N, C-alpha and C. Protein backbone atom coordinates (compact mmCIF):
# COMPACT_ATOMS: atom_id res chain seq x y z
N MET A 1 104.48 3.26 -170.36
CA MET A 1 103.07 3.47 -170.02
C MET A 1 102.21 3.18 -171.25
N ASP A 2 101.08 2.55 -171.04
CA ASP A 2 100.15 2.21 -172.12
C ASP A 2 99.71 3.46 -172.87
N ASN A 3 99.65 3.35 -174.21
CA ASN A 3 99.28 4.50 -175.04
C ASN A 3 97.90 5.04 -174.72
N ASN A 4 96.99 4.17 -174.31
CA ASN A 4 95.64 4.62 -173.97
C ASN A 4 95.64 5.46 -172.70
N ILE A 5 96.50 5.09 -171.75
CA ILE A 5 96.62 5.88 -170.52
C ILE A 5 97.25 7.23 -170.83
N ILE A 6 98.26 7.22 -171.70
CA ILE A 6 98.91 8.48 -172.08
C ILE A 6 97.90 9.42 -172.72
N LYS A 7 97.09 8.90 -173.64
CA LYS A 7 96.09 9.73 -174.33
C LYS A 7 95.06 10.26 -173.34
N ARG A 8 94.63 9.40 -172.45
CA ARG A 8 93.67 9.84 -171.43
C ARG A 8 94.25 10.95 -170.59
N ASN A 9 95.51 10.81 -170.15
CA ASN A 9 96.15 11.84 -169.33
C ASN A 9 96.29 13.15 -170.07
N GLU A 10 96.64 13.08 -171.35
CA GLU A 10 96.76 14.30 -172.15
C GLU A 10 95.43 15.04 -172.22
N LEU A 11 94.36 14.30 -172.47
CA LEU A 11 93.04 14.92 -172.59
C LEU A 11 92.57 15.49 -171.25
N LEU A 12 92.77 14.71 -170.17
CA LEU A 12 92.36 15.17 -168.85
C LEU A 12 93.16 16.38 -168.43
N ALA A 13 94.45 16.38 -168.75
CA ALA A 13 95.30 17.52 -168.38
C ALA A 13 94.80 18.81 -169.01
N GLN A 14 94.32 18.74 -170.25
CA GLN A 14 93.82 19.95 -170.89
C GLN A 14 92.59 20.50 -170.16
N LYS A 15 91.76 19.60 -169.65
CA LYS A 15 90.60 20.03 -168.85
C LYS A 15 91.06 20.69 -167.56
N VAL A 16 92.05 20.08 -166.91
CA VAL A 16 92.57 20.64 -165.66
C VAL A 16 93.20 22.01 -165.91
N ILE A 17 93.95 22.14 -166.99
CA ILE A 17 94.61 23.42 -167.31
C ILE A 17 93.57 24.52 -167.54
N LYS A 18 92.48 24.19 -168.21
CA LYS A 18 91.40 25.18 -168.39
C LYS A 18 90.79 25.57 -167.05
N GLY A 19 90.63 24.58 -166.18
CA GLY A 19 90.10 24.86 -164.85
C GLY A 19 91.02 25.77 -164.06
N LEU A 20 92.32 25.51 -164.13
CA LEU A 20 93.29 26.37 -163.44
C LEU A 20 93.23 27.79 -163.98
N ALA A 21 93.13 27.93 -165.30
CA ALA A 21 93.07 29.27 -165.90
C ALA A 21 91.86 30.04 -165.40
N SER A 22 90.74 29.35 -165.22
CA SER A 22 89.53 30.01 -164.73
C SER A 22 89.68 30.46 -163.28
N ARG A 23 90.70 29.94 -162.61
CA ARG A 23 90.96 30.27 -161.20
C ARG A 23 92.21 31.15 -161.05
N ASN A 24 92.63 31.75 -162.16
CA ASN A 24 93.76 32.69 -162.16
C ASN A 24 95.08 32.01 -161.83
N MET A 25 95.17 30.71 -162.18
CA MET A 25 96.41 29.96 -162.03
C MET A 25 96.81 29.43 -163.41
N THR A 26 98.08 29.11 -163.57
CA THR A 26 98.58 28.66 -164.86
C THR A 26 98.96 27.20 -164.81
N GLY A 27 98.45 26.43 -165.76
CA GLY A 27 98.74 25.01 -165.81
C GLY A 27 99.55 24.64 -167.05
N TYR A 28 100.30 23.55 -166.93
CA TYR A 28 101.13 23.04 -168.02
C TYR A 28 101.03 21.52 -168.00
N TYR A 29 101.35 20.90 -169.12
CA TYR A 29 101.38 19.44 -169.17
C TYR A 29 102.74 18.99 -169.66
N ALA A 30 103.35 18.07 -168.93
CA ALA A 30 104.65 17.51 -169.30
C ALA A 30 104.47 16.02 -169.56
N ALA A 31 104.98 15.55 -170.69
CA ALA A 31 104.81 14.15 -171.07
C ALA A 31 105.74 13.22 -170.33
N SER A 32 106.77 13.77 -169.65
CA SER A 32 107.73 12.95 -168.94
C SER A 32 108.32 13.72 -167.77
N LYS A 33 109.03 13.00 -166.90
CA LYS A 33 109.70 13.65 -165.77
C LYS A 33 110.74 14.66 -166.24
N GLU A 34 111.52 14.29 -167.26
CA GLU A 34 112.55 15.19 -167.77
C GLU A 34 111.93 16.46 -168.35
N GLU A 35 110.85 16.30 -169.08
CA GLU A 35 110.16 17.47 -169.64
C GLU A 35 109.61 18.35 -168.52
N ALA A 36 109.12 17.73 -167.46
CA ALA A 36 108.59 18.49 -166.33
C ALA A 36 109.71 19.29 -165.66
N LYS A 37 110.87 18.67 -165.50
CA LYS A 37 112.00 19.37 -164.88
C LYS A 37 112.41 20.57 -165.71
N GLU A 38 112.54 20.39 -167.03
CA GLU A 38 112.97 21.49 -167.89
C GLU A 38 111.92 22.60 -167.92
N LEU A 39 110.65 22.22 -167.89
CA LEU A 39 109.58 23.21 -167.86
C LEU A 39 109.63 24.01 -166.56
N ALA A 40 109.84 23.33 -165.44
CA ALA A 40 109.93 24.01 -164.15
C ALA A 40 111.12 24.98 -164.13
N LEU A 41 112.26 24.54 -164.64
CA LEU A 41 113.45 25.40 -164.66
C LEU A 41 113.23 26.62 -165.53
N SER A 42 112.41 26.48 -166.58
CA SER A 42 112.12 27.64 -167.44
C SER A 42 111.31 28.71 -166.70
N LEU A 43 110.67 28.31 -165.61
CA LEU A 43 109.87 29.25 -164.82
C LEU A 43 110.68 29.88 -163.68
N ILE A 44 111.93 29.43 -163.53
CA ILE A 44 112.76 29.87 -162.40
C ILE A 44 114.00 30.60 -162.93
N PRO A 45 114.02 31.92 -162.88
CA PRO A 45 115.19 32.66 -163.38
C PRO A 45 116.44 32.32 -162.58
N GLU A 46 117.58 32.29 -163.25
CA GLU A 46 118.84 32.07 -162.55
C GLU A 46 119.05 33.16 -161.51
N GLY A 47 119.62 32.78 -160.38
CA GLY A 47 119.83 33.72 -159.29
C GLY A 47 118.67 33.81 -158.32
N SER A 48 117.57 33.13 -158.63
CA SER A 48 116.40 33.18 -157.76
C SER A 48 116.69 32.53 -156.42
N SER A 49 116.05 33.07 -155.37
CA SER A 49 116.05 32.38 -154.08
C SER A 49 114.90 31.38 -154.10
N ILE A 50 115.19 30.14 -153.67
CA ILE A 50 114.23 29.05 -153.80
C ILE A 50 114.07 28.34 -152.47
N ALA A 51 112.82 28.13 -152.08
CA ALA A 51 112.51 27.36 -150.89
C ALA A 51 111.52 26.27 -151.28
N MET A 52 111.29 25.35 -150.38
CA MET A 52 110.32 24.30 -150.69
C MET A 52 109.75 23.69 -149.42
N GLY A 53 108.58 23.10 -149.58
CA GLY A 53 108.00 22.30 -148.52
C GLY A 53 108.36 20.86 -148.80
N GLY A 54 107.67 19.93 -148.16
CA GLY A 54 107.91 18.54 -148.48
C GLY A 54 107.26 18.21 -149.81
N ALA A 55 108.06 18.01 -150.85
CA ALA A 55 107.52 17.75 -152.18
C ALA A 55 108.30 16.61 -152.82
N MET A 56 107.86 15.39 -152.57
CA MET A 56 108.54 14.24 -153.15
C MET A 56 108.51 14.29 -154.67
N SER A 57 107.45 14.85 -155.24
CA SER A 57 107.32 14.93 -156.70
C SER A 57 108.45 15.76 -157.30
N ALA A 58 108.81 16.86 -156.64
CA ALA A 58 109.91 17.70 -157.13
C ALA A 58 111.23 16.95 -157.08
N HIS A 59 111.40 16.11 -156.06
CA HIS A 59 112.60 15.28 -155.98
C HIS A 59 112.60 14.24 -157.10
N GLU A 60 111.45 13.63 -157.33
CA GLU A 60 111.37 12.51 -158.27
C GLU A 60 111.67 12.92 -159.71
N ILE A 61 111.39 14.17 -160.07
CA ILE A 61 111.69 14.60 -161.44
C ILE A 61 113.10 15.20 -161.56
N GLY A 62 113.84 15.23 -160.46
CA GLY A 62 115.20 15.76 -160.49
C GLY A 62 115.29 17.26 -160.33
N LEU A 63 114.18 17.91 -160.01
CA LEU A 63 114.18 19.37 -159.92
C LEU A 63 114.97 19.88 -158.71
N VAL A 64 114.84 19.20 -157.59
CA VAL A 64 115.52 19.67 -156.37
C VAL A 64 117.03 19.65 -156.55
N ASP A 65 117.55 18.57 -157.11
CA ASP A 65 119.00 18.51 -157.35
C ASP A 65 119.43 19.63 -158.30
N ALA A 66 118.60 19.94 -159.29
CA ALA A 66 118.95 20.96 -160.27
C ALA A 66 119.03 22.35 -159.63
N VAL A 67 118.11 22.67 -158.72
CA VAL A 67 118.10 24.03 -158.14
C VAL A 67 119.06 24.17 -156.97
N LYS A 68 119.67 23.07 -156.55
CA LYS A 68 120.70 23.16 -155.52
C LYS A 68 122.06 23.56 -156.13
N GLY A 69 122.09 23.73 -157.44
CA GLY A 69 123.32 24.12 -158.12
C GLY A 69 123.66 25.58 -157.88
N GLU A 70 124.82 25.98 -158.40
CA GLU A 70 125.34 27.32 -158.14
C GLU A 70 124.57 28.42 -158.85
N ASN A 71 123.67 28.07 -159.76
CA ASN A 71 122.91 29.09 -160.48
C ASN A 71 121.73 29.64 -159.69
N TYR A 72 121.46 29.04 -158.53
CA TYR A 72 120.31 29.45 -157.73
C TYR A 72 120.72 29.59 -156.26
N ARG A 73 119.87 30.25 -155.49
CA ARG A 73 120.10 30.40 -154.05
C ARG A 73 119.06 29.54 -153.33
N PHE A 74 119.43 28.30 -153.06
CA PHE A 74 118.50 27.35 -152.47
C PHE A 74 118.53 27.45 -150.96
N ILE A 75 117.36 27.64 -150.37
CA ILE A 75 117.24 27.70 -148.91
C ILE A 75 117.02 26.27 -148.43
N ASP A 76 118.08 25.64 -147.94
CA ASP A 76 118.03 24.23 -147.57
C ASP A 76 117.65 24.09 -146.09
N ARG A 77 116.40 23.89 -145.84
CA ARG A 77 115.90 23.76 -144.47
C ARG A 77 116.53 22.58 -143.75
N ASP A 78 116.76 21.48 -144.49
CA ASP A 78 117.29 20.28 -143.86
C ASP A 78 118.71 20.47 -143.33
N LYS A 79 119.47 21.36 -143.95
CA LYS A 79 120.86 21.58 -143.53
C LYS A 79 121.01 22.81 -142.63
N ALA A 80 119.93 23.55 -142.44
CA ALA A 80 120.01 24.78 -141.65
C ALA A 80 120.16 24.46 -140.16
N THR A 81 121.02 25.18 -139.49
CA THR A 81 121.15 25.01 -138.04
C THR A 81 119.94 25.62 -137.33
N ASP A 82 119.38 26.66 -137.91
CA ASP A 82 118.18 27.29 -137.36
C ASP A 82 117.04 27.04 -138.34
N LYS A 83 116.31 25.94 -138.11
CA LYS A 83 115.26 25.55 -139.05
C LYS A 83 114.10 26.54 -139.07
N ARG A 84 113.82 27.14 -137.94
CA ARG A 84 112.75 28.15 -137.91
C ARG A 84 113.11 29.33 -138.80
N ALA A 85 114.35 29.77 -138.73
CA ALA A 85 114.79 30.88 -139.57
C ALA A 85 114.69 30.52 -141.04
N ALA A 86 115.03 29.27 -141.37
CA ALA A 86 114.96 28.82 -142.75
C ALA A 86 113.51 28.80 -143.24
N MET A 87 112.61 28.34 -142.37
CA MET A 87 111.20 28.31 -142.76
C MET A 87 110.64 29.72 -142.93
N LEU A 88 111.06 30.64 -142.07
CA LEU A 88 110.60 32.02 -142.20
C LEU A 88 111.16 32.67 -143.46
N ALA A 89 112.40 32.31 -143.81
CA ALA A 89 113.02 32.87 -145.02
C ALA A 89 112.25 32.44 -146.27
N ALA A 90 111.58 31.30 -146.19
CA ALA A 90 110.82 30.81 -147.34
C ALA A 90 109.72 31.77 -147.75
N TYR A 91 109.17 32.51 -146.80
CA TYR A 91 108.07 33.41 -147.11
C TYR A 91 108.51 34.60 -147.96
N ASP A 92 109.81 34.87 -147.98
CA ASP A 92 110.32 35.97 -148.79
C ASP A 92 111.08 35.46 -150.01
N ALA A 93 110.96 34.17 -150.30
CA ALA A 93 111.68 33.58 -151.44
C ALA A 93 111.05 34.02 -152.76
N ASP A 94 111.88 33.99 -153.79
CA ASP A 94 111.35 34.26 -155.13
C ASP A 94 110.47 33.13 -155.61
N ILE A 95 110.90 31.90 -155.29
CA ILE A 95 110.21 30.70 -155.77
C ILE A 95 109.96 29.74 -154.62
N PHE A 96 108.76 29.17 -154.58
CA PHE A 96 108.47 28.11 -153.61
C PHE A 96 108.06 26.88 -154.39
N LEU A 97 108.76 25.77 -154.16
CA LEU A 97 108.46 24.51 -154.82
C LEU A 97 107.58 23.65 -153.92
N ALA A 98 106.58 23.04 -154.52
CA ALA A 98 105.67 22.20 -153.74
C ALA A 98 104.97 21.22 -154.68
N SER A 99 104.05 20.48 -154.12
CA SER A 99 103.17 19.62 -154.91
C SER A 99 101.77 19.81 -154.36
N ALA A 100 100.89 18.90 -154.66
CA ALA A 100 99.55 18.91 -154.08
C ALA A 100 99.27 17.50 -153.60
N ASN A 101 98.55 17.38 -152.49
CA ASN A 101 98.13 16.05 -152.06
C ASN A 101 97.05 15.51 -152.97
N ALA A 102 96.30 16.43 -153.56
CA ALA A 102 95.27 16.06 -154.53
C ALA A 102 94.80 17.33 -155.22
N MET A 103 94.13 17.18 -156.36
CA MET A 103 93.49 18.32 -157.01
C MET A 103 92.32 17.83 -157.83
N THR A 104 91.45 18.74 -158.18
CA THR A 104 90.25 18.37 -158.92
C THR A 104 90.43 18.60 -160.41
N GLU A 105 89.56 17.99 -161.19
CA GLU A 105 89.61 18.14 -162.64
C GLU A 105 89.37 19.58 -163.07
N ASP A 106 88.69 20.36 -162.22
CA ASP A 106 88.45 21.77 -162.58
C ASP A 106 89.40 22.73 -161.87
N GLY A 107 90.53 22.21 -161.37
CA GLY A 107 91.62 23.08 -160.96
C GLY A 107 91.73 23.50 -159.51
N ILE A 108 91.01 22.85 -158.60
CA ILE A 108 91.13 23.17 -157.18
C ILE A 108 92.24 22.32 -156.57
N LEU A 109 93.12 22.97 -155.81
CA LEU A 109 94.24 22.28 -155.17
C LEU A 109 93.91 21.97 -153.71
N VAL A 110 94.30 20.79 -153.24
CA VAL A 110 94.07 20.38 -151.86
C VAL A 110 95.39 19.97 -151.23
N ASN A 111 95.70 20.54 -150.07
CA ASN A 111 96.92 20.18 -149.35
C ASN A 111 96.64 20.08 -147.86
N ILE A 112 97.28 19.11 -147.21
CA ILE A 112 97.20 18.90 -145.77
C ILE A 112 98.61 19.05 -145.20
N ASP A 113 98.73 19.67 -144.02
CA ASP A 113 100.05 19.91 -143.47
C ASP A 113 100.03 19.76 -141.96
N GLY A 114 101.18 19.41 -141.42
CA GLY A 114 101.33 19.30 -139.97
C GLY A 114 101.83 20.58 -139.35
N ASN A 115 102.99 21.05 -139.81
CA ASN A 115 103.56 22.29 -139.26
C ASN A 115 103.01 23.54 -139.92
N ALA A 116 102.37 23.39 -141.07
CA ALA A 116 101.72 24.48 -141.82
C ALA A 116 102.69 25.38 -142.57
N ASN A 117 104.00 25.09 -142.52
CA ASN A 117 104.93 25.93 -143.29
C ASN A 117 104.69 25.79 -144.79
N ARG A 118 104.32 24.58 -145.22
CA ARG A 118 104.09 24.35 -146.66
C ARG A 118 102.80 25.01 -147.12
N VAL A 119 101.69 24.75 -146.42
CA VAL A 119 100.42 25.30 -146.89
C VAL A 119 100.38 26.82 -146.74
N SER A 120 101.03 27.35 -145.72
CA SER A 120 101.01 28.80 -145.55
C SER A 120 101.81 29.49 -146.64
N ALA A 121 102.92 28.87 -147.09
CA ALA A 121 103.71 29.47 -148.15
C ALA A 121 103.00 29.36 -149.50
N ILE A 122 102.24 28.30 -149.71
CA ILE A 122 101.44 28.21 -150.93
C ILE A 122 100.40 29.32 -150.94
N ALA A 123 99.81 29.58 -149.79
CA ALA A 123 98.74 30.57 -149.71
C ALA A 123 99.25 32.00 -149.84
N GLN A 124 100.43 32.30 -149.25
CA GLN A 124 100.87 33.69 -149.22
C GLN A 124 102.34 33.78 -148.89
N GLY A 125 103.04 34.71 -149.51
CA GLY A 125 104.45 34.93 -149.18
C GLY A 125 105.35 34.91 -150.38
N PRO A 126 105.84 33.71 -150.78
CA PRO A 126 106.76 33.64 -151.91
C PRO A 126 106.16 34.27 -153.17
N ARG A 127 107.04 34.83 -153.99
CA ARG A 127 106.56 35.57 -155.17
C ARG A 127 105.95 34.65 -156.22
N LYS A 128 106.47 33.45 -156.34
CA LYS A 128 105.95 32.49 -157.32
C LYS A 128 105.95 31.11 -156.69
N VAL A 129 104.88 30.36 -156.94
CA VAL A 129 104.76 28.98 -156.44
C VAL A 129 104.71 28.05 -157.64
N VAL A 130 105.60 27.06 -157.66
CA VAL A 130 105.63 26.08 -158.74
C VAL A 130 105.32 24.72 -158.15
N LEU A 131 104.20 24.13 -158.57
CA LEU A 131 103.78 22.84 -158.05
C LEU A 131 103.96 21.76 -159.10
N ILE A 132 104.56 20.65 -158.70
CA ILE A 132 104.74 19.48 -159.57
C ILE A 132 103.70 18.44 -159.16
N VAL A 133 102.80 18.12 -160.07
CA VAL A 133 101.68 17.25 -159.72
C VAL A 133 101.54 16.11 -160.73
N GLY A 134 101.72 14.87 -160.26
CA GLY A 134 101.49 13.71 -161.12
C GLY A 134 100.01 13.56 -161.44
N MET A 135 99.71 13.00 -162.59
CA MET A 135 98.31 12.84 -162.99
C MET A 135 97.56 11.88 -162.07
N ASN A 136 98.30 11.10 -161.28
CA ASN A 136 97.66 10.20 -160.32
C ASN A 136 96.93 10.94 -159.20
N LYS A 137 97.20 12.24 -159.06
CA LYS A 137 96.59 13.01 -157.98
C LYS A 137 95.34 13.77 -158.40
N VAL A 138 94.97 13.66 -159.67
CA VAL A 138 93.80 14.38 -160.18
C VAL A 138 92.54 13.57 -159.87
N CYS A 139 91.59 14.21 -159.18
CA CYS A 139 90.33 13.57 -158.77
C CYS A 139 89.15 14.27 -159.46
N SER A 140 88.03 13.59 -159.51
CA SER A 140 86.89 14.13 -160.25
C SER A 140 86.30 15.39 -159.62
N ASP A 141 86.30 15.45 -158.29
CA ASP A 141 85.68 16.60 -157.63
C ASP A 141 86.37 16.85 -156.28
N LEU A 142 85.91 17.88 -155.58
CA LEU A 142 86.54 18.27 -154.32
C LEU A 142 86.39 17.19 -153.25
N ASP A 143 85.25 16.55 -153.21
CA ASP A 143 85.05 15.47 -152.23
C ASP A 143 86.07 14.36 -152.46
N GLY A 144 86.27 13.98 -153.71
CA GLY A 144 87.24 12.96 -154.05
C GLY A 144 88.66 13.38 -153.71
N ALA A 145 88.96 14.67 -153.95
CA ALA A 145 90.30 15.18 -153.66
C ALA A 145 90.57 15.18 -152.15
N MET A 146 89.57 15.56 -151.37
CA MET A 146 89.73 15.55 -149.92
C MET A 146 89.93 14.12 -149.42
N LYS A 147 89.18 13.19 -149.97
CA LYS A 147 89.31 11.80 -149.56
C LYS A 147 90.68 11.26 -149.92
N ARG A 148 91.17 11.63 -151.10
CA ARG A 148 92.51 11.17 -151.48
C ARG A 148 93.57 11.74 -150.55
N ALA A 149 93.47 13.03 -150.27
CA ALA A 149 94.46 13.68 -149.39
C ALA A 149 94.47 13.03 -148.01
N ARG A 150 93.31 12.70 -147.49
CA ARG A 150 93.22 12.17 -146.13
C ARG A 150 93.49 10.68 -146.05
N ASN A 151 93.07 9.92 -147.08
CA ASN A 151 93.13 8.46 -146.99
C ASN A 151 94.26 7.82 -147.78
N VAL A 152 94.90 8.60 -148.65
CA VAL A 152 96.04 8.08 -149.41
C VAL A 152 97.31 8.82 -149.01
N ALA A 153 97.33 10.12 -149.24
CA ALA A 153 98.55 10.91 -148.99
C ALA A 153 98.93 10.94 -147.51
N ALA A 154 97.98 11.26 -146.66
CA ALA A 154 98.30 11.43 -145.23
C ALA A 154 98.82 10.14 -144.58
N PRO A 155 98.16 8.98 -144.75
CA PRO A 155 98.69 7.76 -144.13
C PRO A 155 100.09 7.40 -144.62
N ILE A 156 100.34 7.56 -145.93
CA ILE A 156 101.66 7.22 -146.47
C ILE A 156 102.71 8.16 -145.90
N ASN A 157 102.40 9.45 -145.84
CA ASN A 157 103.36 10.41 -145.29
C ASN A 157 103.60 10.16 -143.80
N ALA A 158 102.56 9.83 -143.07
CA ALA A 158 102.73 9.53 -141.65
C ALA A 158 103.63 8.31 -141.45
N GLN A 159 103.46 7.31 -142.30
CA GLN A 159 104.33 6.13 -142.25
C GLN A 159 105.76 6.51 -142.61
N ARG A 160 105.90 7.36 -143.63
CA ARG A 160 107.23 7.78 -144.09
C ARG A 160 107.99 8.51 -142.99
N PHE A 161 107.27 9.29 -142.17
CA PHE A 161 107.90 10.04 -141.09
C PHE A 161 108.05 9.22 -139.81
N GLY A 162 107.55 7.99 -139.82
CA GLY A 162 107.66 7.14 -138.64
C GLY A 162 106.78 7.60 -137.49
N LEU A 163 105.61 8.12 -137.79
CA LEU A 163 104.73 8.65 -136.76
C LEU A 163 103.79 7.57 -136.22
N SER A 164 103.30 7.82 -135.03
CA SER A 164 102.38 6.87 -134.40
C SER A 164 100.97 7.44 -134.44
N THR A 165 100.31 7.22 -135.54
CA THR A 165 98.93 7.67 -135.72
C THR A 165 98.07 6.48 -136.12
N PRO A 166 96.77 6.53 -135.90
CA PRO A 166 95.92 5.40 -136.29
C PRO A 166 96.04 5.04 -137.77
N CYS A 167 96.23 6.06 -138.63
CA CYS A 167 96.27 5.77 -140.07
C CYS A 167 97.50 4.97 -140.47
N THR A 168 98.59 5.05 -139.69
CA THR A 168 99.78 4.25 -140.02
C THR A 168 99.54 2.77 -139.75
N LYS A 169 98.57 2.49 -138.89
CA LYS A 169 98.27 1.10 -138.54
C LYS A 169 97.10 0.55 -139.34
N LEU A 170 96.17 1.44 -139.73
CA LEU A 170 94.95 1.00 -140.41
C LEU A 170 94.93 1.36 -141.89
N GLY A 171 95.82 2.27 -142.32
CA GLY A 171 95.91 2.60 -143.73
C GLY A 171 94.88 3.58 -144.23
N ALA A 172 94.10 4.16 -143.33
CA ALA A 172 93.08 5.12 -143.73
C ALA A 172 92.89 6.13 -142.61
N CYS A 173 92.36 7.28 -142.95
CA CYS A 173 92.15 8.34 -141.97
C CYS A 173 91.08 7.94 -140.95
N MET A 174 91.41 8.19 -139.67
CA MET A 174 90.46 7.93 -138.59
C MET A 174 90.03 9.24 -137.93
N ASP A 175 90.32 10.35 -138.59
CA ASP A 175 89.97 11.68 -138.08
C ASP A 175 90.50 11.86 -136.65
N CYS A 176 91.75 11.45 -136.45
CA CYS A 176 92.31 11.43 -135.09
C CYS A 176 92.76 12.79 -134.61
N LYS A 177 92.99 12.88 -133.33
CA LYS A 177 93.60 14.05 -132.70
C LYS A 177 94.88 13.60 -131.99
N SER A 178 95.56 12.66 -132.60
CA SER A 178 96.82 12.15 -132.06
C SER A 178 97.86 13.27 -131.98
N PRO A 179 98.72 13.26 -130.97
CA PRO A 179 99.80 14.26 -130.91
C PRO A 179 100.70 14.22 -132.14
N ASP A 180 100.74 13.09 -132.83
CA ASP A 180 101.57 12.94 -134.02
C ASP A 180 100.85 13.30 -135.32
N THR A 181 99.58 13.65 -135.25
CA THR A 181 98.83 13.87 -136.49
C THR A 181 99.50 14.90 -137.39
N ILE A 182 99.48 14.62 -138.69
CA ILE A 182 99.96 15.61 -139.67
C ILE A 182 98.78 16.30 -140.35
N CYS A 183 97.58 15.94 -139.96
CA CYS A 183 96.38 16.56 -140.53
C CYS A 183 95.94 17.74 -139.67
N CYS A 184 96.82 18.72 -139.54
CA CYS A 184 96.55 19.88 -138.69
C CYS A 184 95.93 21.04 -139.45
N GLN A 185 96.43 21.26 -140.65
CA GLN A 185 95.97 22.38 -141.46
C GLN A 185 95.54 21.86 -142.83
N PHE A 186 94.38 22.28 -143.29
CA PHE A 186 93.87 21.91 -144.61
C PHE A 186 93.79 23.17 -145.46
N LEU A 187 94.42 23.13 -146.63
CA LEU A 187 94.37 24.28 -147.53
C LEU A 187 93.67 23.88 -148.83
N ILE A 188 92.59 24.57 -149.13
CA ILE A 188 91.90 24.40 -150.41
C ILE A 188 92.13 25.67 -151.21
N THR A 189 92.86 25.55 -152.30
CA THR A 189 93.16 26.71 -153.14
C THR A 189 92.23 26.68 -154.33
N ARG A 190 91.19 27.51 -154.28
CA ARG A 190 90.20 27.52 -155.36
C ARG A 190 90.36 28.70 -156.30
N PHE A 191 91.20 29.68 -155.91
CA PHE A 191 91.43 30.85 -156.77
C PHE A 191 92.70 31.55 -156.29
N SER A 192 93.45 32.10 -157.22
CA SER A 192 94.63 32.89 -156.84
C SER A 192 94.34 34.36 -157.16
N ARG A 193 94.37 35.20 -156.15
CA ARG A 193 94.10 36.62 -156.37
C ARG A 193 95.21 37.26 -157.20
N HIS A 194 96.42 36.68 -157.10
CA HIS A 194 97.58 37.26 -157.77
C HIS A 194 97.91 36.48 -159.03
N LYS A 195 97.65 37.07 -160.18
CA LYS A 195 97.89 36.41 -161.46
C LYS A 195 99.38 36.12 -161.64
N ASP A 196 99.69 35.02 -162.26
CA ASP A 196 101.05 34.58 -162.56
C ASP A 196 101.83 34.19 -161.31
N ARG A 197 101.14 33.93 -160.20
CA ARG A 197 101.84 33.49 -158.99
C ARG A 197 101.89 31.97 -158.88
N ILE A 198 100.77 31.29 -159.10
CA ILE A 198 100.72 29.84 -158.92
C ILE A 198 100.77 29.15 -160.28
N HIS A 199 101.78 28.28 -160.43
CA HIS A 199 101.98 27.52 -161.66
C HIS A 199 101.95 26.04 -161.33
N VAL A 200 101.14 25.28 -162.06
CA VAL A 200 100.98 23.85 -161.79
C VAL A 200 101.44 23.06 -163.01
N ILE A 201 102.46 22.23 -162.82
CA ILE A 201 102.95 21.39 -163.90
C ILE A 201 102.41 19.98 -163.70
N LEU A 202 101.51 19.58 -164.59
CA LEU A 202 100.93 18.25 -164.54
C LEU A 202 101.85 17.29 -165.29
N VAL A 203 102.18 16.18 -164.66
CA VAL A 203 103.16 15.25 -165.23
C VAL A 203 102.51 13.92 -165.55
N ASN A 204 102.79 13.44 -166.75
CA ASN A 204 102.25 12.15 -167.19
C ASN A 204 103.01 11.01 -166.50
N ASP A 205 102.79 10.91 -165.18
CA ASP A 205 103.48 9.89 -164.39
C ASP A 205 102.80 9.80 -163.04
N ASN A 206 103.09 8.73 -162.31
CA ASN A 206 102.63 8.61 -160.92
C ASN A 206 103.73 9.18 -160.03
N LEU A 207 103.46 10.32 -159.43
CA LEU A 207 104.46 10.99 -158.61
C LEU A 207 103.93 11.21 -157.20
N GLY A 208 104.86 11.16 -156.23
CA GLY A 208 104.47 11.48 -154.85
C GLY A 208 103.46 10.49 -154.31
N PHE A 209 102.72 10.98 -153.29
CA PHE A 209 101.77 10.12 -152.59
C PHE A 209 100.37 10.72 -152.57
């Protein structure tokens, strides 16, 4: 990565971290994927029960493979015979891993969900939430973050899931009410009432969608 981009990301990350602190959330900056993984693991005590929503960023830094090891109790929804039970178990997990579809420079998180298991667990339930967020998802303001979530993240995710929505064909949000829509629930996290619950690791990389 170009040194000028790296410097810009470092400076912007410090602004985002201050914004998160003002919202009772904790931010960190990782210069690489490996550093992000080690930082995330430092926030997860061995023996913790761990659940997650759809978080490609956590996969991309190698975090998911790491917490599937014998040192942790990973709730694997994909392998569960009773997926509803697995999703409900996530609400009582010690750790919930996730990302953000977008966030603002002053620390507001934006997420869109279809089944709402991911956004509801970010909002309430698990004792600690650890979000892995690439610097590519940081937007100047809430309007920009909402536009990114709807016009970048949502169409790509709909394509990834093989859904039949207007955005998979046009590449942008059409504000549809398609039966396949994944834009069912919108979560804007502007403050955490519970200190030390939400941790955001900003990564000097393009992660997720």
